[in-house]
Amino acid sequence: MSLLKNKEGSSLIEYALSASIFLMILFGFIQFSLAFYTYNYMSDAARTATRYAVVRGPDSCTLDTVTDPNCNLNPSKFTSNTDPTKNPLLAFLSSVSYPGIKPQNMSVNATWLIASQDVNGVTTWTTACPNPATNLDANGLYCNAVGNAVKVVVTYSFPINVPSWKNMTIPITSTSQMVISE
């Protein structure tokens, strides 16, 4: 009977249970903070990539830079969202090197949008370039011409690692859109 009333070691078990729950919450908070940090950088990456694409329209080349792969950045140069050798914006963002961000977890999707006006003269950019392979719209104009827009979506696969919890990956996405100007 005296063994059942003995309370030695019970505080150690209580501490172990409460500490494991506390540490899981602490690591979860740290992972949430890192995810928010990553979203902040992906937001900046989307804006930076959009600005990079906007200034590289069909007239961005001179005779000296005509062989530059980033000269006249148009839809025909994008054949992959995850391979930097087939996506100039992803290659550019990989060179920016955001702290703590792994470029291999990033994907970039760029869409060129054609400007259209309604009967009231309001310009909208809702129609994607119909033929990215040739970089021409339905009227035979360049998709990356002045007045059209570029929409860039950057997605980062963020790994969540919380002890005693299922490891998983969540996509963190940010979108930016700008009008191409001279």
N, C-alpha and C. Protein backbone atom coordinates (compact mmCIF):
# COMPACT_ATOMS: atom_id res chain seq x y z
N MET A 1 0.81 -1.20 0.00
CA MET A 1 0.00 0.00 0.00
C MET A 1 0.85 1.25 0.00
N SER A 2 1.97 1.20 0.65
CA SER A 2 2.83 2.38 0.70
C SER A 2 3.44 2.70 -0.65
N LEU A 3 3.55 1.73 -1.56
CA LEU A 3 4.07 1.98 -2.90
C LEU A 3 3.10 2.82 -3.74
N LEU A 4 1.81 2.64 -3.52
CA LEU A 4 0.82 3.40 -4.27
C LEU A 4 0.75 4.85 -3.84
N LYS A 5 1.12 5.14 -2.61
CA LYS A 5 1.06 6.51 -2.11
C LYS A 5 2.39 7.25 -2.29
N ASN A 6 3.41 6.57 -2.77
CA ASN A 6 4.72 7.18 -2.96
C ASN A 6 4.67 8.10 -4.18
N LYS A 7 5.06 9.36 -4.02
CA LYS A 7 4.96 10.34 -5.10
C LYS A 7 6.33 10.75 -5.64
N GLU A 8 7.35 9.98 -5.30
CA GLU A 8 8.68 10.29 -5.82
C GLU A 8 8.69 10.09 -7.33
N GLY A 9 9.28 11.03 -8.04
CA GLY A 9 9.39 10.93 -9.50
C GLY A 9 8.19 11.48 -10.25
N SER A 10 7.10 11.78 -9.61
CA SER A 10 5.92 12.29 -10.32
C SER A 10 6.18 13.68 -10.89
N SER A 11 6.97 14.48 -10.17
CA SER A 11 7.26 15.82 -10.71
C SER A 11 8.14 15.73 -11.95
N LEU A 12 8.99 14.72 -12.03
CA LEU A 12 9.82 14.53 -13.23
C LEU A 12 8.95 14.19 -14.44
N ILE A 13 7.95 13.34 -14.24
CA ILE A 13 7.04 12.97 -15.32
C ILE A 13 6.20 14.17 -15.73
N GLU A 14 5.73 14.94 -14.77
CA GLU A 14 4.95 16.14 -15.08
C GLU A 14 5.79 17.15 -15.85
N TYR A 15 7.05 17.30 -15.44
CA TYR A 15 7.95 18.22 -16.15
C TYR A 15 8.19 17.75 -17.58
N ALA A 16 8.42 16.46 -17.76
CA ALA A 16 8.67 15.92 -19.11
C ALA A 16 7.48 16.16 -20.02
N LEU A 17 6.27 15.95 -19.53
CA LEU A 17 5.08 16.16 -20.35
C LEU A 17 4.88 17.64 -20.68
N SER A 18 5.00 18.47 -19.67
CA SER A 18 4.78 19.91 -19.93
C SER A 18 5.90 20.49 -20.78
N ALA A 19 7.14 20.05 -20.58
CA ALA A 19 8.26 20.56 -21.39
C ALA A 19 8.12 20.15 -22.85
N SER A 20 7.67 18.91 -23.10
CA SER A 20 7.53 18.49 -24.50
C SER A 20 6.44 19.31 -25.20
N ILE A 21 5.35 19.59 -24.51
CA ILE A 21 4.29 20.41 -25.11
C ILE A 21 4.79 21.84 -25.31
N PHE A 22 5.49 22.38 -24.32
CA PHE A 22 6.02 23.73 -24.43
C PHE A 22 7.01 23.84 -25.59
N LEU A 23 7.92 22.85 -25.73
CA LEU A 23 8.91 22.88 -26.81
C LEU A 23 8.25 22.74 -28.18
N MET A 24 7.20 21.91 -28.27
CA MET A 24 6.51 21.79 -29.55
C MET A 24 5.86 23.12 -29.93
N ILE A 25 5.26 23.81 -28.97
CA ILE A 25 4.66 25.12 -29.24
C ILE A 25 5.74 26.13 -29.61
N LEU A 26 6.87 26.09 -28.91
CA LEU A 26 7.97 27.01 -29.20
C LEU A 26 8.51 26.80 -30.61
N PHE A 27 8.78 25.55 -30.98
CA PHE A 27 9.28 25.28 -32.32
C PHE A 27 8.22 25.60 -33.38
N GLY A 28 6.95 25.39 -33.08
CA GLY A 28 5.89 25.79 -34.01
C GLY A 28 5.87 27.30 -34.22
N PHE A 29 6.06 28.04 -33.16
CA PHE A 29 6.12 29.51 -33.27
C PHE A 29 7.33 29.93 -34.11
N ILE A 30 8.46 29.27 -33.90
CA ILE A 30 9.66 29.59 -34.69
C ILE A 30 9.41 29.29 -36.17
N GLN A 31 8.79 28.15 -36.48
CA GLN A 31 8.49 27.81 -37.87
C GLN A 31 7.51 28.80 -38.50
N PHE A 32 6.51 29.24 -37.73
CA PHE A 32 5.57 30.24 -38.23
C PHE A 32 6.31 31.54 -38.53
N SER A 33 7.23 31.93 -37.66
CA SER A 33 8.01 33.15 -37.89
C SER A 33 8.88 33.02 -39.13
N LEU A 34 9.48 31.86 -39.34
CA LEU A 34 10.29 31.64 -40.54
C LEU A 34 9.43 31.64 -41.80
N ALA A 35 8.21 31.12 -41.71
CA ALA A 35 7.30 31.15 -42.86
C ALA A 35 6.92 32.60 -43.20
N PHE A 36 6.67 33.41 -42.20
CA PHE A 36 6.35 34.81 -42.42
C PHE A 36 7.56 35.55 -43.03
N TYR A 37 8.75 35.24 -42.53
CA TYR A 37 10.00 35.78 -43.07
C TYR A 37 10.14 35.39 -44.55
N THR A 38 9.85 34.13 -44.87
CA THR A 38 9.93 33.65 -46.25
C THR A 38 8.92 34.36 -47.13
N TYR A 39 7.69 34.55 -46.64
CA TYR A 39 6.68 35.26 -47.42
C TYR A 39 7.14 36.69 -47.74
N ASN A 40 7.76 37.33 -46.77
CA ASN A 40 8.27 38.69 -46.98
C ASN A 40 9.28 38.70 -48.13
N TYR A 41 10.19 37.74 -48.14
CA TYR A 41 11.18 37.68 -49.22
C TYR A 41 10.56 37.26 -50.55
N MET A 42 9.56 36.39 -50.54
CA MET A 42 8.91 36.00 -51.79
C MET A 42 8.13 37.17 -52.38
N SER A 43 7.57 38.00 -51.53
CA SER A 43 6.88 39.20 -51.99
C SER A 43 7.87 40.14 -52.67
N ASP A 44 9.03 40.32 -52.06
CA ASP A 44 10.07 41.15 -52.67
C ASP A 44 10.59 40.51 -53.95
N ALA A 45 10.74 39.19 -53.96
CA ALA A 45 11.22 38.49 -55.15
C ALA A 45 10.25 38.67 -56.32
N ALA A 46 8.95 38.61 -56.05
CA ALA A 46 7.96 38.80 -57.11
C ALA A 46 8.04 40.21 -57.69
N ARG A 47 8.15 41.21 -56.82
CA ARG A 47 8.26 42.60 -57.30
C ARG A 47 9.57 42.80 -58.09
N THR A 48 10.66 42.26 -57.59
CA THR A 48 11.96 42.41 -58.25
C THR A 48 11.95 41.73 -59.62
N ALA A 49 11.40 40.52 -59.69
CA ALA A 49 11.34 39.80 -60.97
C ALA A 49 10.43 40.53 -61.96
N THR A 50 9.34 41.10 -61.49
CA THR A 50 8.45 41.84 -62.38
C THR A 50 9.14 43.07 -62.93
N ARG A 51 9.83 43.80 -62.07
CA ARG A 51 10.58 44.97 -62.56
C ARG A 51 11.64 44.55 -63.58
N TYR A 52 12.29 43.43 -63.32
CA TYR A 52 13.32 42.91 -64.22
C TYR A 52 12.72 42.60 -65.59
N ALA A 53 11.52 42.00 -65.61
CA ALA A 53 10.88 41.65 -66.88
C ALA A 53 10.33 42.88 -67.60
N VAL A 54 9.83 43.85 -66.84
CA VAL A 54 9.22 45.04 -67.43
C VAL A 54 10.23 45.86 -68.24
N VAL A 55 11.44 45.97 -67.77
CA VAL A 55 12.42 46.81 -68.46
C VAL A 55 13.11 46.08 -69.61
N ARG A 56 12.75 44.83 -69.84
CA ARG A 56 13.36 44.08 -70.93
C ARG A 56 12.32 43.76 -72.01
N GLY A 57 11.76 44.81 -72.58
CA GLY A 57 10.77 44.69 -73.65
C GLY A 57 11.44 44.45 -74.99
N PRO A 58 10.68 44.52 -76.09
CA PRO A 58 11.23 44.24 -77.42
C PRO A 58 12.28 45.26 -77.87
N ASP A 59 12.26 46.47 -77.29
CA ASP A 59 13.22 47.50 -77.68
C ASP A 59 14.36 47.63 -76.68
N SER A 60 14.56 46.63 -75.81
CA SER A 60 15.58 46.73 -74.77
C SER A 60 16.97 46.39 -75.26
N CYS A 61 17.09 45.93 -76.48
CA CYS A 61 18.38 45.50 -77.00
C CYS A 61 19.05 46.57 -77.85
N THR A 62 20.35 46.59 -77.77
CA THR A 62 21.14 47.39 -78.69
C THR A 62 22.00 46.41 -79.49
N LEU A 63 22.72 46.91 -80.45
CA LEU A 63 23.56 46.01 -81.24
C LEU A 63 24.60 45.30 -80.38
N ASP A 64 25.05 45.94 -79.30
CA ASP A 64 26.06 45.33 -78.43
C ASP A 64 25.48 44.23 -77.55
N THR A 65 24.20 44.29 -77.20
CA THR A 65 23.63 43.34 -76.25
C THR A 65 22.68 42.35 -76.90
N VAL A 66 22.64 42.27 -78.21
CA VAL A 66 21.66 41.42 -78.88
C VAL A 66 21.87 39.94 -78.55
N THR A 67 23.07 39.53 -78.13
CA THR A 67 23.30 38.13 -77.79
C THR A 67 23.03 37.84 -76.31
N ASP A 68 22.71 38.84 -75.53
CA ASP A 68 22.41 38.66 -74.11
C ASP A 68 21.12 37.85 -73.98
N PRO A 69 21.12 36.74 -73.20
CA PRO A 69 19.90 35.92 -73.10
C PRO A 69 18.75 36.64 -72.41
N ASN A 70 19.03 37.70 -71.65
CA ASN A 70 17.98 38.44 -70.97
C ASN A 70 17.50 39.63 -71.78
N CYS A 71 18.07 39.84 -72.94
CA CYS A 71 17.66 40.91 -73.83
C CYS A 71 16.33 40.51 -74.46
N ASN A 72 15.39 41.43 -74.55
CA ASN A 72 14.06 41.16 -75.11
C ASN A 72 13.43 39.96 -74.41
N LEU A 73 13.25 40.12 -73.13
CA LEU A 73 12.65 39.04 -72.32
C LEU A 73 11.20 38.88 -72.73
N ASN A 74 10.86 37.75 -73.32
CA ASN A 74 9.50 37.53 -73.81
C ASN A 74 9.04 36.12 -73.46
N PRO A 75 7.76 35.82 -73.67
CA PRO A 75 7.22 34.52 -73.27
C PRO A 75 7.91 33.32 -73.90
N SER A 76 8.48 33.48 -75.07
CA SER A 76 9.10 32.32 -75.73
C SER A 76 10.36 31.84 -75.01
N LYS A 77 10.91 32.65 -74.11
CA LYS A 77 12.13 32.25 -73.39
C LYS A 77 11.83 31.47 -72.12
N PHE A 78 10.55 31.25 -71.81
CA PHE A 78 10.15 30.57 -70.58
C PHE A 78 9.58 29.20 -70.90
N THR A 79 10.38 28.18 -70.73
CA THR A 79 9.91 26.82 -71.02
C THR A 79 9.81 25.96 -69.76
N SER A 80 10.18 26.53 -68.61
CA SER A 80 10.10 25.80 -67.34
C SER A 80 9.88 26.79 -66.20
N ASN A 81 9.14 26.36 -65.17
CA ASN A 81 8.95 27.22 -64.00
C ASN A 81 9.98 26.95 -62.92
N THR A 82 10.69 25.81 -63.01
CA THR A 82 11.60 25.41 -61.94
C THR A 82 13.05 25.26 -62.37
N ASP A 83 13.34 25.35 -63.65
CA ASP A 83 14.72 25.18 -64.14
C ASP A 83 15.29 26.55 -64.50
N PRO A 84 16.33 27.02 -63.76
CA PRO A 84 16.89 28.35 -64.04
C PRO A 84 17.49 28.49 -65.44
N THR A 85 17.89 27.39 -66.07
CA THR A 85 18.46 27.50 -67.41
C THR A 85 17.37 27.73 -68.47
N LYS A 86 16.11 27.47 -68.11
CA LYS A 86 15.00 27.65 -69.05
C LYS A 86 14.00 28.70 -68.57
N ASN A 87 14.43 29.49 -67.57
CA ASN A 87 13.57 30.52 -67.01
C ASN A 87 14.46 31.68 -66.57
N PRO A 88 14.59 32.74 -67.39
CA PRO A 88 15.49 33.85 -67.06
C PRO A 88 15.15 34.55 -65.74
N LEU A 89 13.89 34.63 -65.37
CA LEU A 89 13.54 35.28 -64.10
C LEU A 89 13.98 34.44 -62.91
N LEU A 90 13.84 33.13 -63.00
CA LEU A 90 14.30 32.25 -61.92
C LEU A 90 15.83 32.31 -61.81
N ALA A 91 16.51 32.36 -62.95
CA ALA A 91 17.97 32.49 -62.92
C ALA A 91 18.38 33.81 -62.26
N PHE A 92 17.65 34.89 -62.58
CA PHE A 92 17.94 36.18 -61.97
C PHE A 92 17.70 36.14 -60.47
N LEU A 93 16.56 35.59 -60.04
CA LEU A 93 16.26 35.53 -58.61
C LEU A 93 17.23 34.63 -57.86
N SER A 94 17.73 33.59 -58.51
CA SER A 94 18.73 32.73 -57.87
C SER A 94 20.02 33.48 -57.61
N SER A 95 20.32 34.46 -58.45
CA SER A 95 21.55 35.25 -58.27
C SER A 95 21.38 36.33 -57.20
N VAL A 96 20.14 36.68 -56.84
CA VAL A 96 19.91 37.71 -55.84
C VAL A 96 20.30 37.21 -54.45
N SER A 97 20.15 35.95 -54.20
CA SER A 97 20.49 35.26 -52.95
C SER A 97 19.88 35.90 -51.71
N TYR A 98 18.63 35.57 -51.48
CA TYR A 98 17.94 36.00 -50.27
C TYR A 98 18.44 35.13 -49.11
N PRO A 99 18.73 35.71 -47.95
CA PRO A 99 19.26 34.92 -46.84
C PRO A 99 18.27 33.88 -46.32
N GLY A 100 18.73 32.64 -46.24
CA GLY A 100 17.89 31.56 -45.73
C GLY A 100 16.95 30.96 -46.74
N ILE A 101 16.92 31.48 -47.96
CA ILE A 101 16.01 30.98 -49.00
C ILE A 101 16.81 30.10 -49.95
N LYS A 102 16.32 28.89 -50.18
CA LYS A 102 16.98 27.96 -51.10
C LYS A 102 16.38 28.14 -52.49
N PRO A 103 17.18 28.55 -53.48
CA PRO A 103 16.64 28.76 -54.83
C PRO A 103 16.01 27.52 -55.44
N GLN A 104 16.49 26.33 -55.05
CA GLN A 104 15.92 25.10 -55.63
C GLN A 104 14.49 24.85 -55.14
N ASN A 105 14.04 25.53 -54.10
CA ASN A 105 12.66 25.40 -53.62
C ASN A 105 11.73 26.44 -54.26
N MET A 106 12.26 27.25 -55.16
CA MET A 106 11.50 28.36 -55.74
C MET A 106 11.08 28.02 -57.17
N SER A 107 9.88 28.48 -57.54
CA SER A 107 9.45 28.41 -58.93
C SER A 107 8.88 29.77 -59.32
N VAL A 108 9.05 30.12 -60.60
CA VAL A 108 8.60 31.42 -61.09
C VAL A 108 7.77 31.19 -62.36
N ASN A 109 6.58 31.78 -62.37
CA ASN A 109 5.72 31.72 -63.53
C ASN A 109 5.44 33.15 -64.00
N ALA A 110 5.78 33.43 -65.24
CA ALA A 110 5.55 34.77 -65.79
C ALA A 110 4.49 34.68 -66.88
N THR A 111 3.58 35.66 -66.86
CA THR A 111 2.53 35.73 -67.87
C THR A 111 2.49 37.16 -68.41
N TRP A 112 2.48 37.28 -69.73
CA TRP A 112 2.36 38.60 -70.36
C TRP A 112 0.89 38.80 -70.67
N LEU A 113 0.37 39.95 -70.25
CA LEU A 113 -1.05 40.25 -70.41
C LEU A 113 -1.23 41.36 -71.44
N ILE A 114 -2.20 41.19 -72.31
CA ILE A 114 -2.46 42.13 -73.40
C ILE A 114 -3.43 43.21 -72.89
N ALA A 115 -3.10 44.46 -73.19
CA ALA A 115 -3.96 45.58 -72.79
C ALA A 115 -5.20 45.64 -73.67
N SER A 116 -6.33 45.90 -73.03
CA SER A 116 -7.57 46.09 -73.79
C SER A 116 -8.38 47.20 -73.11
N GLN A 117 -9.17 47.89 -73.93
CA GLN A 117 -9.98 48.98 -73.39
C GLN A 117 -11.46 48.67 -73.60
N ASP A 118 -12.25 49.04 -72.58
CA ASP A 118 -13.69 48.86 -72.73
C ASP A 118 -14.29 50.10 -73.38
N VAL A 119 -15.60 50.16 -73.49
CA VAL A 119 -16.27 51.26 -74.18
C VAL A 119 -16.07 52.59 -73.46
N ASN A 120 -15.76 52.56 -72.17
CA ASN A 120 -15.53 53.79 -71.41
C ASN A 120 -14.07 54.24 -71.45
N GLY A 121 -13.23 53.48 -72.15
CA GLY A 121 -11.82 53.84 -72.25
C GLY A 121 -10.97 53.36 -71.08
N VAL A 122 -11.52 52.47 -70.25
CA VAL A 122 -10.77 51.93 -69.11
C VAL A 122 -9.92 50.77 -69.59
N THR A 123 -8.63 50.85 -69.32
CA THR A 123 -7.70 49.80 -69.74
C THR A 123 -7.63 48.70 -68.69
N THR A 124 -7.70 47.46 -69.17
CA THR A 124 -7.53 46.30 -68.30
C THR A 124 -6.52 45.35 -68.93
N TRP A 125 -5.96 44.50 -68.10
CA TRP A 125 -4.98 43.52 -68.56
C TRP A 125 -5.43 42.15 -68.05
N THR A 126 -6.32 41.51 -68.79
CA THR A 126 -6.85 40.22 -68.36
C THR A 126 -6.56 39.09 -69.33
N THR A 127 -6.21 39.41 -70.57
CA THR A 127 -5.98 38.40 -71.58
C THR A 127 -4.50 38.06 -71.66
N ALA A 128 -4.18 36.79 -71.45
CA ALA A 128 -2.78 36.36 -71.54
C ALA A 128 -2.35 36.31 -73.00
N CYS A 129 -1.06 36.42 -73.22
CA CYS A 129 -0.50 36.32 -74.56
C CYS A 129 -0.95 35.00 -75.20
N PRO A 130 -1.68 35.07 -76.31
CA PRO A 130 -2.27 33.84 -76.86
C PRO A 130 -1.25 32.88 -77.47
N ASN A 131 -0.10 33.39 -77.90
CA ASN A 131 0.89 32.53 -78.54
C ASN A 131 2.28 32.83 -77.98
N PRO A 132 2.60 32.30 -76.78
CA PRO A 132 3.89 32.60 -76.17
C PRO A 132 5.09 32.14 -77.00
N ALA A 133 4.92 31.12 -77.81
CA ALA A 133 6.05 30.60 -78.59
C ALA A 133 6.55 31.63 -79.59
N THR A 134 5.65 32.42 -80.17
CA THR A 134 6.06 33.42 -81.16
C THR A 134 6.14 34.82 -80.56
N ASN A 135 5.64 34.99 -79.31
CA ASN A 135 5.62 36.29 -78.64
C ASN A 135 4.77 37.31 -79.38
N LEU A 136 3.70 36.85 -80.05
CA LEU A 136 2.82 37.76 -80.77
C LEU A 136 1.38 37.58 -80.29
N ASP A 137 0.66 38.70 -80.19
CA ASP A 137 -0.75 38.62 -79.82
C ASP A 137 -1.60 38.41 -81.07
N ALA A 138 -2.90 38.45 -80.91
CA ALA A 138 -3.81 38.20 -82.03
C ALA A 138 -3.69 39.25 -83.13
N ASN A 139 -3.21 40.45 -82.80
CA ASN A 139 -3.06 41.52 -83.80
C ASN A 139 -1.67 41.54 -84.41
N GLY A 140 -0.81 40.58 -84.07
CA GLY A 140 0.55 40.52 -84.61
C GLY A 140 1.52 41.43 -83.89
N LEU A 141 1.13 41.97 -82.72
CA LEU A 141 2.01 42.84 -81.94
C LEU A 141 2.73 42.01 -80.89
N TYR A 142 3.89 42.50 -80.45
CA TYR A 142 4.64 41.78 -79.43
C TYR A 142 3.88 41.73 -78.11
N CYS A 143 3.92 40.58 -77.45
CA CYS A 143 3.24 40.44 -76.15
C CYS A 143 3.93 41.28 -75.09
N ASN A 144 5.24 41.50 -75.23
CA ASN A 144 5.97 42.30 -74.25
C ASN A 144 6.17 43.74 -74.72
N ALA A 145 5.20 44.23 -75.51
CA ALA A 145 5.26 45.60 -76.01
C ALA A 145 4.86 46.59 -74.92
N VAL A 146 5.26 47.84 -75.12
CA VAL A 146 4.90 48.91 -74.19
C VAL A 146 3.38 49.02 -74.12
N GLY A 147 2.86 49.11 -72.89
CA GLY A 147 1.42 49.20 -72.67
C GLY A 147 0.81 47.89 -72.20
N ASN A 148 1.45 46.77 -72.53
CA ASN A 148 1.00 45.48 -72.01
C ASN A 148 1.54 45.32 -70.59
N ALA A 149 1.23 44.23 -69.95
CA ALA A 149 1.65 44.03 -68.56
C ALA A 149 2.33 42.68 -68.38
N VAL A 150 3.11 42.58 -67.32
CA VAL A 150 3.75 41.33 -66.93
C VAL A 150 3.23 40.96 -65.54
N LYS A 151 2.80 39.72 -65.42
CA LYS A 151 2.36 39.20 -64.12
C LYS A 151 3.31 38.07 -63.73
N VAL A 152 3.95 38.20 -62.57
CA VAL A 152 4.91 37.20 -62.10
C VAL A 152 4.38 36.60 -60.81
N VAL A 153 4.37 35.27 -60.77
CA VAL A 153 3.96 34.53 -59.57
C VAL A 153 5.17 33.73 -59.09
N VAL A 154 5.63 34.03 -57.88
CA VAL A 154 6.76 33.32 -57.28
C VAL A 154 6.20 32.41 -56.19
N THR A 155 6.57 31.13 -56.25
CA THR A 155 6.12 30.16 -55.26
C THR A 155 7.35 29.52 -54.62
N TYR A 156 7.30 29.40 -53.30
CA TYR A 156 8.39 28.78 -52.55
C TYR A 156 7.82 27.62 -51.75
N SER A 157 8.44 26.46 -51.86
CA SER A 157 8.03 25.29 -51.08
C SER A 157 8.72 25.36 -49.73
N PHE A 158 7.97 25.77 -48.71
CA PHE A 158 8.54 25.97 -47.38
C PHE A 158 8.39 24.70 -46.55
N PRO A 159 9.52 24.12 -46.10
CA PRO A 159 9.43 22.91 -45.28
C PRO A 159 9.13 23.26 -43.82
N ILE A 160 8.15 22.59 -43.25
CA ILE A 160 7.82 22.78 -41.83
C ILE A 160 8.39 21.60 -41.05
N ASN A 161 9.26 21.91 -40.09
CA ASN A 161 9.89 20.88 -39.27
C ASN A 161 9.66 21.19 -37.81
N VAL A 162 8.64 20.57 -37.23
CA VAL A 162 8.35 20.72 -35.81
C VAL A 162 8.56 19.36 -35.16
N PRO A 163 9.39 19.27 -34.11
CA PRO A 163 9.60 17.97 -33.46
C PRO A 163 8.28 17.37 -32.97
N SER A 164 8.17 16.07 -33.09
CA SER A 164 6.98 15.31 -32.69
C SER A 164 5.75 15.66 -33.52
N TRP A 165 5.97 16.17 -34.70
CA TRP A 165 4.87 16.55 -35.58
C TRP A 165 5.23 16.09 -36.98
N LYS A 166 4.25 15.95 -37.82
CA LYS A 166 4.46 15.50 -39.19
C LYS A 166 5.22 16.57 -39.98
N ASN A 167 6.34 16.17 -40.63
CA ASN A 167 7.06 17.10 -41.50
C ASN A 167 6.27 17.25 -42.79
N MET A 168 6.11 18.50 -43.22
CA MET A 168 5.37 18.76 -44.45
C MET A 168 5.89 20.02 -45.11
N THR A 169 5.42 20.27 -46.30
CA THR A 169 5.83 21.44 -47.07
C THR A 169 4.59 22.23 -47.44
N ILE A 170 4.66 23.55 -47.24
CA ILE A 170 3.54 24.40 -47.64
C ILE A 170 4.03 25.37 -48.73
N PRO A 171 3.20 25.63 -49.72
CA PRO A 171 3.58 26.60 -50.75
C PRO A 171 3.33 28.03 -50.27
N ILE A 172 4.33 28.87 -50.40
CA ILE A 172 4.19 30.29 -50.09
C ILE A 172 4.27 31.02 -51.42
N THR A 173 3.21 31.74 -51.77
CA THR A 173 3.09 32.34 -53.09
C THR A 173 2.90 33.84 -52.98
N SER A 174 3.54 34.57 -53.90
CA SER A 174 3.33 36.00 -54.01
C SER A 174 3.23 36.37 -55.48
N THR A 175 2.38 37.34 -55.78
CA THR A 175 2.13 37.76 -57.17
C THR A 175 2.38 39.25 -57.30
N SER A 176 2.95 39.62 -58.44
CA SER A 176 3.18 41.03 -58.75
C SER A 176 2.85 41.26 -60.22
N GLN A 177 2.28 42.42 -60.52
CA GLN A 177 1.94 42.74 -61.91
C GLN A 177 2.28 44.21 -62.15
N MET A 178 2.94 44.47 -63.28
CA MET A 178 3.30 45.84 -63.66
C MET A 178 3.10 46.04 -65.15
N VAL A 179 2.85 47.27 -65.52
CA VAL A 179 2.68 47.63 -66.93
C VAL A 179 4.04 47.95 -67.53
N ILE A 180 4.26 47.46 -68.74
CA ILE A 180 5.52 47.71 -69.44
C ILE A 180 5.51 49.14 -69.96
N SER A 181 6.53 49.88 -69.60
CA SER A 181 6.64 51.26 -70.07
C SER A 181 8.03 51.47 -70.63
N GLU A 182 8.21 52.56 -71.33
CA GLU A 182 9.52 52.83 -71.95
C GLU A 182 10.56 53.15 -70.94
